[in-house]
Amino acid sequence: MSQPPSPVHAHDLGAQIEKITYDGSNGSDVTLFLQNVKRIAFIQGRQHDDQWLIDCAEISLVGEALRWFHELDDET
């Protein structure tokens, strides 16, 4: 069975994350955004770390999507 790739350095990870954003505007494809977040998590070996996935997604949200996220309660 193959091993996941080695984690990338922090500056490389930051560059990858900066390339993905989601604004929630009409017609925006959330599926592509989520796939990109999952891809970065896999590269980092964090694909099963739910809190890491949430944090990665949150820092990539902008505009209406970010406002929506901050309005969620802790139970959501």
Protein backbone atom coordinates (compact mmCIF):
# COMPACT_ATOMS: atom_id res chain seq x y z
CA MET A 1 0.00 0.00 0.00
CA SER A 2 1.41 3.40 -0.90
CA GLN A 3 2.15 6.09 1.66
CA PRO A 4 0.76 9.64 1.36
CA PRO A 5 3.29 12.21 0.17
CA SER A 6 5.52 13.84 2.77
CA PRO A 7 4.12 17.07 4.24
CA VAL A 8 5.28 20.20 2.47
CA HIS A 9 7.08 23.02 4.26
CA ALA A 10 4.98 25.74 5.89
CA HIS A 11 5.81 28.38 3.27
CA ASP A 12 4.79 25.98 0.48
CA LEU A 13 1.56 25.14 2.32
CA GLY A 14 0.78 28.83 2.74
CA ALA A 15 1.24 29.37 -0.98
CA GLN A 16 -1.11 26.47 -1.75
CA ILE A 17 -3.78 27.76 0.62
CA GLU A 18 -3.52 31.31 -0.73
CA LYS A 19 -4.43 29.98 -4.18
CA ILE A 20 -7.82 28.67 -3.02
CA THR A 21 -10.65 30.88 -1.86
CA TYR A 22 -14.40 30.64 -1.77
CA ASP A 23 -16.71 33.65 -1.65
CA GLY A 24 -20.10 31.98 -1.84
CA SER A 25 -21.27 34.13 -4.72
CA ASN A 26 -23.95 32.87 -7.07
CA GLY A 27 -22.56 30.24 -9.36
CA SER A 28 -19.47 29.57 -7.22
CA ASP A 29 -18.61 25.91 -7.20
CA VAL A 30 -18.22 24.87 -3.57
CA THR A 31 -17.38 21.33 -4.71
CA LEU A 32 -14.12 22.46 -6.31
CA PHE A 33 -13.23 24.50 -3.22
CA LEU A 34 -13.83 21.54 -0.89
CA GLN A 35 -11.83 19.23 -3.15
CA ASN A 36 -8.89 21.63 -3.02
CA VAL A 37 -9.06 21.77 0.79
CA LYS A 38 -9.13 17.96 0.92
CA ARG A 39 -6.19 17.75 -1.49
CA ILE A 40 -4.08 20.03 0.72
CA ALA A 41 -5.07 17.99 3.78
CA PHE A 42 -4.00 14.79 2.04
CA ILE A 43 -0.64 16.27 1.10
CA GLN A 44 -0.17 17.23 4.75
CA GLY A 45 -1.31 13.83 6.03
CA ARG A 46 -4.19 15.58 7.83
CA GLN A 47 -7.15 14.19 5.84
CA HIS A 48 -8.67 12.61 8.98
CA ASP A 49 -8.15 15.66 11.22
CA ASP A 50 -11.54 17.38 11.19
CA GLN A 51 -10.40 20.48 13.10
CA TRP A 52 -7.48 20.98 10.69
CA LEU A 53 -9.87 20.71 7.73
CA ILE A 54 -12.23 23.26 9.27
CA ASP A 55 -9.38 25.68 10.01
CA CYS A 56 -7.96 25.31 6.51
CA ALA A 57 -11.36 25.93 4.95
CA GLU A 58 -12.08 28.90 7.23
CA ILE A 59 -8.91 30.79 6.33
CA SER A 60 -9.78 30.33 2.66
CA LEU A 61 -13.26 31.85 2.92
CA VAL A 62 -13.83 35.45 1.82
CA GLY A 63 -16.77 37.82 1.50
CA GLU A 64 -20.26 36.41 2.04
CA ALA A 65 -18.96 32.89 2.67
CA LEU A 66 -16.77 34.12 5.54
CA ARG A 67 -19.63 36.15 7.04
CA TRP A 68 -21.90 33.09 6.82
CA PHE A 69 -19.28 30.90 8.52
CA HIS A 70 -18.87 33.32 11.43
CA GLU A 71 -22.64 33.37 11.98
CA LEU A 72 -22.76 29.59 12.55
CA ASP A 73 -23.24 28.49 16.14
CA ASP A 74 -20.79 26.13 17.83
CA GLU A 75 -23.14 23.16 17.37
CA THR A 76 -23.14 23.40 13.56
